[in-house]
Amino acid sequence: MRSLLLSAAGAALCVNSICTAQTTRPSAPLSPPAATQPSVTTQPPATQASATTQPAATQASATTKPSIDSFLPRLGSDSWKQRQEAVQELVRMGEDARPMIHELLSRNIADGETRTRLEAALSQIDENRLIGASFITIHLKNATPKAVFEELSRQCYADLQPFPQNLFDQGDQPKVSIDIDRQPFWTAMNTIADKTGIDLQQYNEGVRLMHGGFRMNSPFSTIQGPFLVVATQISRSQTEMLANGGGSSSDFSIQMMAYSEPKLHVLSSSAGVKLEIAVDDAGNSLMPTSEGNRGYYGGSGGCWNLFAQLKYPDHPGKKIARIKGTSRFLIQTKSQRIEIPDIKNVKEMTRIVGDMPVVFHEMKKTNEIWELRLSGNPQALGNNRWAQFNQSVQTNLQVLDDKGQMLEHRGMSSRGDNNGIEFTLMFSPSLRPDGRNSSDPAKLVWEVPTASKEIEVPFDFKDLPMPR
């Protein structure tokens, strides 16, 4: 077998968790609504970094912002390029542009097209906050890593938690200076990781900030909106069968990793991988012969493993000139948060999840395993919504101890009839590398998707090595 590893990052970001077709994202900090009410917000606010509590050395330096009046001439310019650049600049400014846009819209602008472009920029900023790229601006001098990541958390709308929890209190961590101006999250993350030595890494229930790790520094990588796609491996193998009549088979494929921004709740990859172009530098097509081959995926906690089959040519070139394609991801846009205190003593409790009554029958302990039984009726939701509910039971339902530490999910079984389907979820004490073990269940926390949107994530790689 010949395999070309294209990135030290690759699947290594998943070192602490096997990537499966499940999403186990940690809950971002929310102001919990009533247990049965849908949350009003579609994206939880990030932890705010308090400027008054930071030492003077860590204060963000003032960023020079363009004059509000400088946008009007460009938005109404005869040049399409100038108009487009003005809109894109406003979008990259993110939340900083919102008051400027509202002030411009409050003026009596005669040009209707200019108003339309301002409204389009505002709409794109709203969408980016939820499912688009987060644009990061950080100017800090002699700042602690903790201050840097607090500011990054605020701007990327996600609570970036360290692991272990006392990570920022360990040793004498050097202070750093960061100068990032309106860069996509993954570009900013790479810069900050280089400076601090702290990077996002996969952990059982999501991603955490950890020392060291594997940087996504492959030359074969691309940032597409809120996703970073890295080509990690090209494999070719030849197999000769020595029994059952003999025969031979071969395999030629590319593997990629897609990393989603921490603010996203990725429910699934809804269409696997679709190749559009695959060709080597000799002009040979590398597209698979089967039109139905759309590759496959698997992943969890912001780390998605993408795979696509290729066709090896009879007279290969020296390089793979280009591989272009797309994958599609289903992103949660709204959710309902269910909280049940004292979960281990619950008996036949009903909660309305979406439009469906869900009965929490009991949680009991058998040896070292805690078993939670609950049931619902798929007829109340329909096939598509039931599929999302089913996945949410497996991946989003969390059981916490009295210190907020998550118990480890050990699997699930189900059985059903015409009256509904009953799930049995199994949990055990979590064994953490820092020595902190969870205790008995104290609370159930469940974020249930109530709305979602599919987004397309393209990739386009050139001049990759050709295995021989």
Protein backbone atom coordinates (compact mmCIF):
# COMPACT_ATOMS: atom_id res chain seq x y z
CA MET A 1 0.00 0.00 0.00
CA ARG A 2 1.20 3.49 -0.84
CA SER A 3 -0.15 6.36 1.22
CA LEU A 4 0.93 9.99 1.04
CA LEU A 5 0.26 11.89 4.25
CA LEU A 6 -0.33 15.50 3.31
CA SER A 7 -0.68 17.09 6.72
CA ALA A 8 0.54 16.58 10.24
CA ALA A 9 -2.81 17.94 11.33
CA GLY A 10 -5.00 15.53 9.45
CA ALA A 11 -6.88 13.07 11.54
CA ALA A 12 -4.52 13.84 14.37
CA LEU A 13 -6.82 16.55 15.65
CA CYS A 14 -9.09 13.66 16.61
CA VAL A 15 -6.41 12.08 18.80
CA ASN A 16 -8.70 11.85 21.82
CA SER A 17 -11.84 10.70 20.05
CA ILE A 18 -12.63 8.36 17.19
CA CYS A 19 -14.48 10.29 14.49
CA THR A 20 -17.89 8.72 13.96
CA ALA A 21 -20.97 9.93 12.19
CA GLN A 22 -22.14 11.62 15.34
CA THR A 23 -21.90 15.14 16.66
CA THR A 24 -21.07 15.55 20.31
CA ARG A 25 -20.73 19.26 20.76
CA PRO A 26 -20.40 20.90 24.12
CA SER A 27 -23.15 23.31 25.01
CA ALA A 28 -22.10 26.91 24.69
CA PRO A 29 -23.04 29.16 27.58
CA LEU A 30 -26.73 30.06 27.43
CA SER A 31 -29.03 31.91 29.70
CA PRO A 32 -31.27 28.91 30.35
CA PRO A 33 -34.93 29.48 29.53
CA ALA A 34 -37.71 27.53 31.15
CA ALA A 35 -37.16 23.82 30.75
CA THR A 36 -39.80 23.31 28.08
CA GLN A 37 -39.53 26.60 26.19
CA PRO A 38 -37.53 27.07 22.98
CA SER A 39 -34.65 29.46 23.41
CA VAL A 40 -35.21 32.86 21.80
CA THR A 41 -31.67 33.23 20.56
CA THR A 42 -30.44 31.20 17.61
CA GLN A 43 -26.81 31.46 18.69
CA PRO A 44 -25.64 31.79 22.29
CA PRO A 45 -23.65 34.88 23.15
CA ALA A 46 -19.99 34.28 23.79
CA THR A 47 -18.33 34.86 27.10
CA GLN A 48 -17.54 38.55 27.40
CA ALA A 49 -14.01 39.58 28.18
CA SER A 50 -14.25 42.39 30.71
CA ALA A 51 -11.96 45.24 29.77
CA THR A 52 -12.04 46.62 33.30
CA THR A 53 -10.56 43.47 34.81
CA GLN A 54 -7.61 43.20 32.44
CA PRO A 55 -4.30 44.82 33.23
CA ALA A 56 -3.39 47.80 31.09
CA ALA A 57 -0.88 45.75 29.12
CA THR A 58 -3.62 43.52 27.77
CA GLN A 59 -6.01 46.21 26.60
CA ALA A 60 -6.89 46.03 22.93
CA SER A 61 -5.37 48.92 21.06
CA ALA A 62 -7.75 51.10 19.11
CA THR A 63 -8.33 49.92 15.58
CA THR A 64 -8.50 52.51 12.86
CA LYS A 65 -11.96 52.25 11.36
CA PRO A 66 -12.94 53.68 8.01
CA SER A 67 -14.99 56.86 8.08
CA ILE A 68 -18.72 56.27 7.91
CA ASP A 69 -19.01 58.84 5.12
CA SER A 70 -16.37 57.05 3.07
CA PHE A 71 -18.79 54.22 2.31
CA LEU A 72 -21.54 56.21 0.58
CA PRO A 73 -19.55 57.21 -2.52
CA ARG A 74 -18.26 53.66 -2.96
CA LEU A 75 -21.66 52.03 -2.41
CA GLY A 76 -23.11 54.29 -5.12
CA SER A 77 -20.10 54.13 -7.44
CA ASP A 78 -20.48 53.45 -11.17
CA SER A 79 -17.82 50.76 -10.73
CA TRP A 80 -19.25 47.35 -9.81
CA LYS A 81 -15.93 46.42 -8.24
CA GLN A 82 -15.95 49.44 -5.89
CA ARG A 83 -19.55 48.75 -4.88
CA GLN A 84 -18.78 45.11 -4.17
CA GLU A 85 -15.61 45.92 -2.21
CA ALA A 86 -17.52 48.42 -0.03
CA VAL A 87 -20.16 45.81 0.83
CA GLN A 88 -17.52 43.17 1.54
CA GLU A 89 -15.60 45.58 3.80
CA LEU A 90 -18.72 46.21 5.85
CA VAL A 91 -19.36 42.46 6.13
CA ARG A 92 -15.77 41.81 7.26
CA MET A 93 -16.17 44.45 9.97
CA GLY A 94 -18.94 42.31 11.44
CA GLU A 95 -20.59 43.73 14.55
CA ASP A 96 -18.48 46.89 14.34
CA ALA A 97 -20.26 47.77 11.10
CA ARG A 98 -23.78 47.37 12.47
CA PRO A 99 -24.13 50.86 14.05
CA MET A 100 -22.56 52.45 10.96
CA ILE A 101 -25.05 50.71 8.65
CA HIS A 102 -28.00 51.69 10.85
CA GLU A 103 -26.84 55.32 10.86
CA LEU A 104 -26.48 55.35 7.07
CA LEU A 105 -29.91 53.76 6.66
CA SER A 106 -31.42 56.42 8.93
CA ARG A 107 -30.33 59.11 6.50
CA ASN A 108 -32.51 60.18 3.62
CA ILE A 109 -30.53 58.34 0.92
CA ALA A 110 -32.14 58.96 -2.46
CA ASP A 111 -30.33 56.09 -4.20
CA GLY A 112 -32.44 53.00 -3.65
CA GLU A 113 -29.65 50.68 -4.80
CA THR A 114 -27.33 52.05 -2.11
CA ARG A 115 -29.96 51.31 0.53
CA THR A 116 -30.37 47.80 -0.90
CA ARG A 117 -26.62 47.18 -0.63
CA LEU A 118 -26.55 48.41 2.97
CA GLU A 119 -29.46 46.12 3.85
CA ALA A 120 -27.71 43.23 2.07
CA ALA A 121 -24.53 43.86 4.10
CA LEU A 122 -26.58 43.88 7.32
CA SER A 123 -28.30 40.63 6.35
CA GLN A 124 -24.96 38.99 5.59
CA ILE A 125 -23.55 40.10 8.95
CA ASP A 126 -26.56 38.52 10.68
CA GLU A 127 -26.07 35.26 8.76
CA ASN A 128 -22.31 35.21 9.34
CA ARG A 129 -22.84 35.49 13.07
CA LEU A 130 -24.90 32.33 12.95
CA ILE A 131 -23.51 30.09 10.20
CA GLY A 132 -20.88 32.11 8.31
CA ALA A 133 -17.26 32.98 8.87
CA SER A 134 -16.35 34.95 11.99
CA PHE A 135 -14.00 37.83 11.17
CA ILE A 136 -11.52 38.49 13.96
CA THR A 137 -9.77 41.72 14.89
CA ILE A 138 -7.40 41.56 17.87
CA HIS A 139 -4.65 44.04 18.72
CA LEU A 140 -3.10 43.14 22.07
CA LYS A 141 0.36 43.88 23.45
CA ASN A 142 2.03 41.88 26.22
CA ALA A 143 -1.19 39.99 26.82
CA THR A 144 -1.65 36.72 28.66
CA PRO A 145 -2.92 33.74 26.63
CA LYS A 146 -6.06 33.84 28.77
CA ALA A 147 -6.80 37.43 27.71
CA VAL A 148 -6.20 36.56 24.06
CA PHE A 149 -8.59 33.61 24.08
CA GLU A 150 -11.22 35.55 26.02
CA GLU A 151 -11.21 38.13 23.25
CA LEU A 152 -11.24 35.45 20.55
CA SER A 153 -14.21 33.77 22.28
CA ARG A 154 -16.12 37.03 22.31
CA GLN A 155 -15.59 37.66 18.61
CA CYS A 156 -16.23 34.09 17.36
CA TYR A 157 -19.44 33.71 19.43
CA ALA A 158 -18.25 30.55 21.17
CA ASP A 159 -17.03 29.79 24.67
CA LEU A 160 -13.56 28.35 24.02
CA GLN A 161 -12.90 26.28 27.12
CA PRO A 162 -9.37 25.22 28.17
CA PHE A 163 -8.36 21.70 29.09
CA PRO A 164 -7.58 21.14 31.82
CA GLN A 165 -9.67 23.89 33.37
CA ASN A 166 -6.61 25.40 35.07
CA LEU A 167 -4.62 25.49 31.80
CA PHE A 168 -4.12 29.26 31.94
CA ASP A 169 -2.95 29.10 35.56
CA GLN A 170 -0.19 26.57 34.93
CA GLY A 171 3.39 27.80 35.15
CA ASP A 172 4.75 31.14 34.02
CA GLN A 173 3.11 31.50 30.62
CA PRO A 174 4.84 34.08 28.42
CA LYS A 175 2.88 37.12 27.34
CA VAL A 176 2.30 37.65 23.64
CA SER A 177 1.45 40.43 21.22
CA ILE A 178 -1.28 39.79 18.68
CA ASP A 179 -2.08 41.91 15.63
CA ILE A 180 -4.95 40.49 13.58
CA ASP A 181 -7.24 42.67 11.51
CA ARG A 182 -10.52 41.28 10.09
CA GLN A 183 -9.20 37.81 9.43
CA PRO A 184 -11.36 34.65 9.18
CA PHE A 185 -11.49 32.64 12.37
CA TRP A 186 -9.23 29.82 11.14
CA THR A 187 -6.56 32.26 9.93
CA ALA A 188 -6.68 34.04 13.28
CA MET A 189 -6.64 30.74 15.18
CA ASN A 190 -3.48 29.62 13.39
CA THR A 191 -1.73 32.92 14.17
CA ILE A 192 -2.73 32.76 17.84
CA ALA A 193 -1.68 29.10 18.14
CA ASP A 194 1.76 29.95 16.75
CA LYS A 195 2.16 32.71 19.34
CA THR A 196 0.78 30.95 22.41
CA GLY A 197 1.47 27.27 21.74
CA ILE A 198 -2.21 26.62 22.56
CA ASP A 199 -4.48 25.17 19.90
CA LEU A 200 -7.96 23.72 19.48
CA GLN A 201 -7.95 19.95 19.75
CA GLN A 202 -10.64 17.30 19.62
CA TYR A 203 -11.84 15.98 22.95
CA ASN A 204 -14.62 13.47 23.71
CA GLU A 205 -17.45 15.96 23.90
CA GLY A 206 -16.14 18.59 21.50
CA VAL A 207 -13.05 20.75 21.15
CA ARG A 208 -10.90 22.27 23.86
CA LEU A 209 -7.93 24.61 24.06
CA MET A 210 -4.82 22.57 24.82
CA HIS A 211 -1.05 22.97 24.81
CA GLY A 212 0.87 21.63 21.85
CA GLY A 213 -1.07 19.46 19.50
CA PHE A 214 -1.25 19.38 15.76
CA ARG A 215 -1.29 22.56 13.72
CA MET A 216 -3.29 22.80 10.55
CA ASN A 217 -0.31 24.01 8.56
CA SER A 218 -0.60 21.83 5.47
CA PRO A 219 -0.02 23.60 2.14
CA PHE A 220 -3.04 21.66 0.94
CA SER A 221 -5.69 23.50 2.92
CA THR A 222 -8.43 25.99 2.21
CA ILE A 223 -10.67 28.19 4.33
CA GLN A 224 -14.25 28.22 3.10
CA GLY A 225 -16.55 30.36 5.23
CA PRO A 226 -16.64 28.87 8.74
CA PHE A 227 -14.86 25.67 7.61
CA LEU A 228 -11.21 24.76 7.22
CA VAL A 229 -10.72 21.89 4.78
CA VAL A 230 -7.35 20.09 4.81
CA ALA A 231 -6.27 17.38 2.36
CA THR A 232 -4.62 14.83 4.64
CA GLN A 233 -3.92 11.67 2.68
CA ILE A 234 -3.87 10.16 -0.80
CA SER A 235 -3.84 6.36 -0.83
CA ARG A 236 -3.30 3.75 -3.52
CA SER A 237 -3.31 -0.01 -2.91
CA GLN A 238 -3.27 -3.17 -5.05
CA THR A 239 -4.64 -6.47 -3.72
CA GLU A 240 -4.13 -9.95 -5.22
CA MET A 241 -6.50 -12.64 -3.97
CA LEU A 242 -4.86 -16.04 -3.45
CA ALA A 243 -7.98 -18.07 -2.69
CA ASN A 244 -11.53 -18.50 -3.98
CA GLY A 245 -10.54 -18.30 -7.61
CA GLY A 246 -8.01 -15.49 -7.25
CA GLY A 247 -8.50 -12.06 -8.76
CA SER A 248 -7.21 -8.61 -8.06
CA SER A 249 -8.55 -5.26 -6.89
CA SER A 250 -7.16 -1.78 -6.44
CA ASP A 251 -8.04 1.31 -4.48
CA PHE A 252 -7.17 4.96 -5.10
CA SER A 253 -8.66 7.65 -2.87
CA ILE A 254 -8.25 11.02 -1.18
CA GLN A 255 -9.00 11.79 2.45
CA MET A 256 -9.67 15.24 3.86
CA MET A 257 -10.58 16.75 7.22
CA ALA A 258 -13.16 19.51 7.54
CA TYR A 259 -12.99 21.56 10.74
CA SER A 260 -16.00 23.71 11.63
CA GLU A 261 -15.82 26.86 13.71
CA PRO A 262 -16.65 26.16 17.37
CA LYS A 263 -19.80 28.30 17.19
CA LEU A 264 -21.39 25.91 14.68
CA HIS A 265 -23.59 23.00 15.63
CA VAL A 266 -23.07 20.60 12.73
CA LEU A 267 -25.85 18.04 12.63
CA SER A 268 -24.55 15.97 9.71
CA SER A 269 -22.88 15.94 6.34
CA SER A 270 -26.00 15.57 4.25
CA ALA A 271 -24.51 14.49 0.91
CA GLY A 272 -21.06 13.07 1.57
CA VAL A 273 -18.44 14.24 -0.94
CA LYS A 274 -19.14 15.18 -4.54
CA LEU A 275 -16.19 15.49 -6.93
CA GLU A 276 -16.43 17.92 -9.84
CA ILE A 277 -12.87 17.81 -11.22
CA ALA A 278 -10.10 15.25 -10.71
CA VAL A 279 -7.25 15.27 -13.23
CA ASP A 280 -3.49 14.68 -13.26
CA ASP A 281 -0.82 16.76 -15.01
CA ALA A 282 -0.83 14.37 -17.99
CA GLY A 283 -4.48 15.17 -18.66
CA ASN A 284 -5.84 11.89 -17.32
CA SER A 285 -9.23 11.95 -15.65
CA LEU A 286 -9.14 10.62 -12.09
CA MET A 287 -12.91 10.75 -11.67
CA PRO A 288 -14.39 7.49 -10.35
CA THR A 289 -16.24 5.41 -12.90
CA SER A 290 -19.34 4.99 -10.74
CA GLU A 291 -21.58 8.03 -11.08
CA GLY A 292 -23.23 7.16 -7.80
CA ASN A 293 -19.94 7.33 -5.86
CA ARG A 294 -20.28 10.44 -3.68
CA GLY A 295 -17.71 9.43 -1.09
CA TYR A 296 -18.55 9.30 2.58
CA TYR A 297 -17.96 11.17 5.79
CA GLY A 298 -17.76 10.71 9.52
CA GLY A 299 -17.06 13.07 12.35
CA SER A 300 -17.84 14.59 15.70
CA GLY A 301 -17.26 17.70 17.73
CA GLY A 302 -16.21 19.95 14.84
CA CYS A 303 -13.92 17.39 13.16
CA TRP A 304 -15.26 15.80 9.95
CA ASN A 305 -13.48 13.09 7.98
CA LEU A 306 -14.22 13.32 4.23
CA PHE A 307 -13.32 10.57 1.77
CA ALA A 308 -13.66 10.30 -2.01
CA GLN A 309 -12.81 7.45 -4.36
CA LEU A 310 -10.60 8.18 -7.38
CA LYS A 311 -9.66 6.23 -10.52
CA TYR A 312 -5.96 5.48 -11.08
CA PRO A 313 -4.96 5.97 -14.76
CA ASP A 314 -3.03 3.48 -16.87
CA HIS A 315 -0.28 6.03 -17.59
CA PRO A 316 -0.28 8.43 -14.64
CA GLY A 317 1.32 11.84 -14.59
CA LYS A 318 3.75 13.05 -11.97
CA LYS A 319 1.22 15.09 -9.98
CA ILE A 320 -2.48 15.38 -9.40
CA ALA A 321 -3.07 18.68 -11.14
CA ARG A 322 -6.42 19.46 -9.54
CA ILE A 323 -9.11 18.01 -7.31
CA LYS A 324 -12.22 20.10 -6.89
CA GLY A 325 -15.50 19.26 -5.24
CA THR A 326 -17.98 20.01 -2.49
CA SER A 327 -19.46 18.61 0.66
CA ARG A 328 -22.70 19.73 2.25
CA PHE A 329 -23.30 20.16 5.96
CA LEU A 330 -26.53 20.54 7.88
CA ILE A 331 -26.16 23.33 10.46
CA GLN A 332 -28.42 23.90 13.43
CA THR A 333 -29.89 27.43 13.35
CA LYS A 334 -32.38 27.25 16.23
CA SER A 335 -32.69 25.00 19.23
CA GLN A 336 -34.67 24.28 22.36
CA ARG A 337 -32.85 23.75 25.62
CA ILE A 338 -34.22 21.17 28.04
CA GLU A 339 -32.93 21.08 31.63
CA ILE A 340 -34.08 18.55 34.22
CA PRO A 341 -32.58 18.83 37.72
CA ASP A 342 -32.18 15.80 39.97
CA ILE A 343 -32.40 13.54 36.92
CA LYS A 344 -31.56 10.35 38.78
CA ASN A 345 -34.81 10.61 40.78
CA VAL A 346 -37.10 11.39 37.83
CA LYS A 347 -40.11 9.09 37.34
CA GLU A 348 -42.45 9.31 34.33
CA MET A 349 -41.84 13.02 33.67
CA THR A 350 -43.16 14.50 30.39
CA ARG A 351 -41.56 17.41 28.56
CA ILE A 352 -42.63 18.92 25.23
CA VAL A 353 -39.70 18.72 22.81
CA GLY A 354 -40.55 20.65 19.68
CA ASP A 355 -44.15 19.55 19.10
CA MET A 356 -43.72 16.09 20.61
CA PRO A 357 -44.30 14.90 24.18
CA VAL A 358 -41.21 13.06 25.44
CA VAL A 359 -41.51 10.90 28.52
CA PHE A 360 -38.47 10.52 30.80
CA HIS A 361 -39.25 7.22 32.50
CA GLU A 362 -36.35 6.77 34.92
CA MET A 363 -32.60 6.80 35.42
CA LYS A 364 -31.20 3.86 37.30
CA LYS A 365 -27.78 2.45 38.06
CA THR A 366 -26.73 -1.07 37.08
CA ASN A 367 -23.25 -1.90 38.35
CA GLU A 368 -21.20 1.13 37.23
CA ILE A 369 -23.52 2.12 34.37
CA TRP A 370 -26.34 4.64 34.63
CA GLU A 371 -29.26 3.92 32.27
CA LEU A 372 -31.68 6.65 31.20
CA ARG A 373 -34.99 5.57 29.58
CA LEU A 374 -37.09 8.00 27.53
CA SER A 375 -39.64 7.63 24.75
CA GLY A 376 -41.36 9.57 21.99
CA ASN A 377 -43.60 9.02 18.99
CA PRO A 378 -42.12 9.67 15.51
CA GLN A 379 -45.60 10.17 14.06
CA ALA A 380 -45.77 13.48 15.90
CA LEU A 381 -42.80 14.89 13.96
CA GLY A 382 -42.58 13.29 10.51
CA ASN A 383 -39.60 11.48 9.02
CA ASN A 384 -37.14 14.36 8.53
CA ARG A 385 -37.63 15.93 11.94
CA TRP A 386 -37.66 12.53 13.62
CA ALA A 387 -34.24 11.76 12.09
CA GLN A 388 -32.87 14.97 13.60
CA PHE A 389 -34.50 14.17 16.94
CA ASN A 390 -33.07 10.65 16.86
CA GLN A 391 -29.56 11.97 16.27
CA SER A 392 -30.00 14.63 18.94
CA VAL A 393 -30.84 11.95 21.51
CA GLN A 394 -27.54 10.23 20.71
CA THR A 395 -25.29 13.25 20.47
CA ASN A 396 -26.72 16.33 22.25
CA LEU A 397 -28.27 14.90 25.40
CA GLN A 398 -25.86 15.35 28.28
CA VAL A 399 -25.90 14.19 31.90
CA LEU A 400 -23.87 16.28 34.35
CA ASP A 401 -22.79 15.76 37.92
CA ASP A 402 -23.20 18.35 40.68
CA LYS A 403 -19.99 20.08 39.59
CA GLY A 404 -21.09 20.38 35.99
CA GLN A 405 -18.77 17.62 34.77
CA MET A 406 -20.20 15.51 31.99
CA LEU A 407 -20.67 11.77 32.36
CA GLU A 408 -19.36 9.69 29.49
CA HIS A 409 -21.88 8.46 26.94
CA ARG A 410 -21.46 4.68 26.65
CA GLY A 411 -24.00 3.84 23.96
CA MET A 412 -27.70 3.58 23.26
CA SER A 413 -30.34 0.99 22.43
CA SER A 414 -33.91 1.44 21.22
CA ARG A 415 -37.07 -0.53 20.73
CA GLY A 416 -40.45 0.47 19.38
CA ASP A 417 -43.98 -0.34 18.32
CA ASN A 418 -46.97 1.58 16.98
CA ASN A 419 -47.16 3.58 20.19
CA GLY A 420 -43.65 5.05 19.89
CA ILE A 421 -39.97 4.36 20.37
CA GLU A 422 -38.18 3.94 23.68
CA PHE A 423 -34.50 4.82 24.01
CA THR A 424 -32.11 3.59 26.68
CA LEU A 425 -28.98 5.73 26.99
CA MET A 426 -26.04 4.48 29.01
CA PHE A 427 -23.58 6.66 30.93
CA SER A 428 -20.55 6.01 33.08
CA PRO A 429 -18.24 8.17 35.21
CA SER A 430 -15.91 10.13 32.99
CA LEU A 431 -12.21 9.51 33.50
CA ARG A 432 -10.31 12.68 32.63
CA PRO A 433 -6.55 12.94 32.00
CA ASP A 434 -6.31 15.61 34.71
CA GLY A 435 -7.60 13.14 37.32
CA ARG A 436 -11.02 14.69 37.85
CA ASN A 437 -13.70 12.00 37.82
CA SER A 438 -17.40 12.71 37.55
CA SER A 439 -19.77 11.74 40.36
CA ASP A 440 -23.44 10.68 40.29
CA PRO A 441 -25.86 12.30 37.80
CA ALA A 442 -27.30 15.59 39.02
CA LYS A 443 -28.81 17.27 35.94
CA LEU A 444 -29.86 16.55 32.36
CA VAL A 445 -29.08 19.18 29.73
CA TRP A 446 -30.34 18.66 26.19
CA GLU A 447 -30.10 21.06 23.29
CA VAL A 448 -32.60 19.91 20.68
CA PRO A 449 -32.41 21.29 17.11
CA THR A 450 -35.65 22.93 16.00
CA ALA A 451 -34.43 24.48 12.72
CA SER A 452 -31.47 23.90 10.43
CA LYS A 453 -29.90 25.05 7.18
CA GLU A 454 -27.78 23.17 4.68
CA ILE A 455 -24.61 24.91 3.49
CA GLU A 456 -22.20 23.88 0.76
CA VAL A 457 -18.48 23.74 1.54
CA PRO A 458 -16.26 23.67 -1.56
CA PHE A 459 -12.64 22.53 -1.78
CA ASP A 460 -10.12 22.97 -4.58
CA PHE A 461 -6.59 21.54 -4.33
CA LYS A 462 -3.85 21.76 -6.94
CA ASP A 463 -0.49 20.06 -7.55
CA LEU A 464 -0.88 17.21 -5.07
CA PRO A 465 1.62 14.33 -5.13
CA MET A 466 0.69 11.29 -7.21
CA PRO A 467 1.30 7.92 -5.50
CA ARG A 468 3.11 5.31 -7.58
